[in-house]
């Protein structure tokens, strides 16, 4: 997957996760970072737990969904470690 595809999927997934988790928002760069990290986490969990090869493989609904789920997991873990910021 190319750099532009990672940025687009990361931005969409990070923004969606920020909206669902009711955070204060992370800004454009923060959403991209959260989304890309979520894609890595979601891709790893998808392949390890559900045996889905190449869960994140381009700009498509499956990749965005996997990155979104990974981003939600990342935000939840970060909030558990550092405490909720409301």
Protein backbone atom coordinates (compact mmCIF):
# COMPACT_ATOMS: atom_id res chain seq x y z
CA UNK A 1 0.00 0.00 0.00
CA UNK A 2 1.42 3.37 -0.99
CA UNK A 3 2.10 6.31 1.27
CA UNK A 4 -0.86 8.29 -0.04
CA UNK A 5 -3.19 5.36 0.60
CA UNK A 6 -1.90 5.01 4.19
CA UNK A 7 -2.47 8.73 4.76
CA UNK A 8 -6.01 8.66 3.37
CA UNK A 9 -7.04 5.48 5.23
CA UNK A 10 -5.36 6.81 8.39
CA UNK A 11 -7.14 10.14 8.18
CA UNK A 12 -10.57 8.57 7.64
CA UNK A 13 -10.12 5.90 10.32
CA UNK A 14 -8.60 8.32 12.85
CA UNK A 15 -11.35 10.89 12.33
CA UNK A 16 -14.09 8.25 12.65
CA UNK A 17 -12.52 6.81 15.79
CA UNK A 18 -12.25 10.29 17.32
CA UNK A 19 -15.93 10.89 16.63
CA UNK A 20 -17.04 7.55 18.06
CA UNK A 21 -14.83 7.77 21.15
CA UNK A 22 -16.10 11.33 21.87
CA UNK A 23 -12.63 12.77 22.32
CA UNK A 24 -11.56 16.35 22.09
CA UNK A 25 -10.10 15.64 18.67
CA UNK A 26 -6.49 15.19 17.69
CA UNK A 27 -6.31 17.53 14.72
CA UNK A 28 -5.42 16.56 11.18
CA UNK A 29 -1.96 15.16 11.89
CA UNK A 30 -3.11 13.46 15.09
CA UNK A 31 -6.02 11.77 13.31
CA UNK A 32 -3.66 10.50 10.62
CA UNK A 33 -1.22 9.14 13.22
CA UNK A 34 -4.02 7.48 15.22
CA UNK A 35 -5.50 6.02 12.03
CA UNK A 36 -2.17 4.66 10.75
CA UNK A 37 -1.35 3.17 14.15
CA UNK A 38 -4.88 1.76 14.22
CA UNK A 39 -4.31 0.21 10.80
CA UNK A 40 -1.17 -1.48 12.08
CA UNK A 41 -2.93 -2.72 15.22
CA UNK A 42 -6.06 -3.79 13.33
CA UNK A 43 -4.02 -5.51 10.62
CA UNK A 44 -1.99 -7.40 13.20
CA UNK A 45 -5.06 -8.47 15.16
CA UNK A 46 -6.92 -9.41 11.98
CA UNK A 47 -4.14 -11.68 10.84
CA UNK A 48 -3.33 -13.11 14.28
CA UNK A 49 -6.85 -13.71 15.58
CA UNK A 50 -8.99 -14.15 12.48
CA UNK A 51 -6.40 -15.37 9.97
CA UNK A 52 -7.16 -12.55 7.52
CA UNK A 53 -4.12 -12.02 5.29
CA UNK A 54 -3.48 -8.42 4.18
CA UNK A 55 -6.37 -6.96 6.14
CA UNK A 56 -5.25 -3.44 5.20
CA UNK A 57 -4.37 -3.43 1.52
CA UNK A 58 -5.53 -0.21 -0.13
CA UNK A 59 -8.21 2.42 -0.06
CA UNK A 60 -11.33 0.31 0.39
CA UNK A 61 -14.06 -0.23 2.96
CA UNK A 62 -12.38 -3.26 4.51
CA UNK A 63 -9.11 -1.40 5.10
CA UNK A 64 -10.92 1.57 6.60
CA UNK A 65 -12.97 -0.70 8.87
CA UNK A 66 -9.90 -2.60 10.10
CA UNK A 67 -8.00 0.65 10.71
CA UNK A 68 -11.05 2.14 12.45
CA UNK A 69 -11.34 -0.81 14.84
CA UNK A 70 -7.61 -0.68 15.54
CA UNK A 71 -7.79 3.07 16.19
CA UNK A 72 -10.65 2.58 18.66
CA UNK A 73 -8.60 -0.05 20.48
CA UNK A 74 -5.60 2.31 20.52
CA UNK A 75 -7.62 5.23 21.91
CA UNK A 76 -9.25 3.00 24.55
CA UNK A 77 -5.88 1.64 25.71
CA UNK A 78 -4.35 5.12 25.80
CA UNK A 79 -7.25 6.39 27.88
CA UNK A 80 -6.95 3.45 30.28
CA UNK A 81 -3.24 4.12 30.74
CA UNK A 82 -3.36 7.90 31.05
CA UNK A 83 -6.88 8.47 32.32
CA UNK A 84 -9.80 9.99 30.44
CA UNK A 85 -9.43 13.59 29.26
CA UNK A 86 -12.86 15.19 29.26
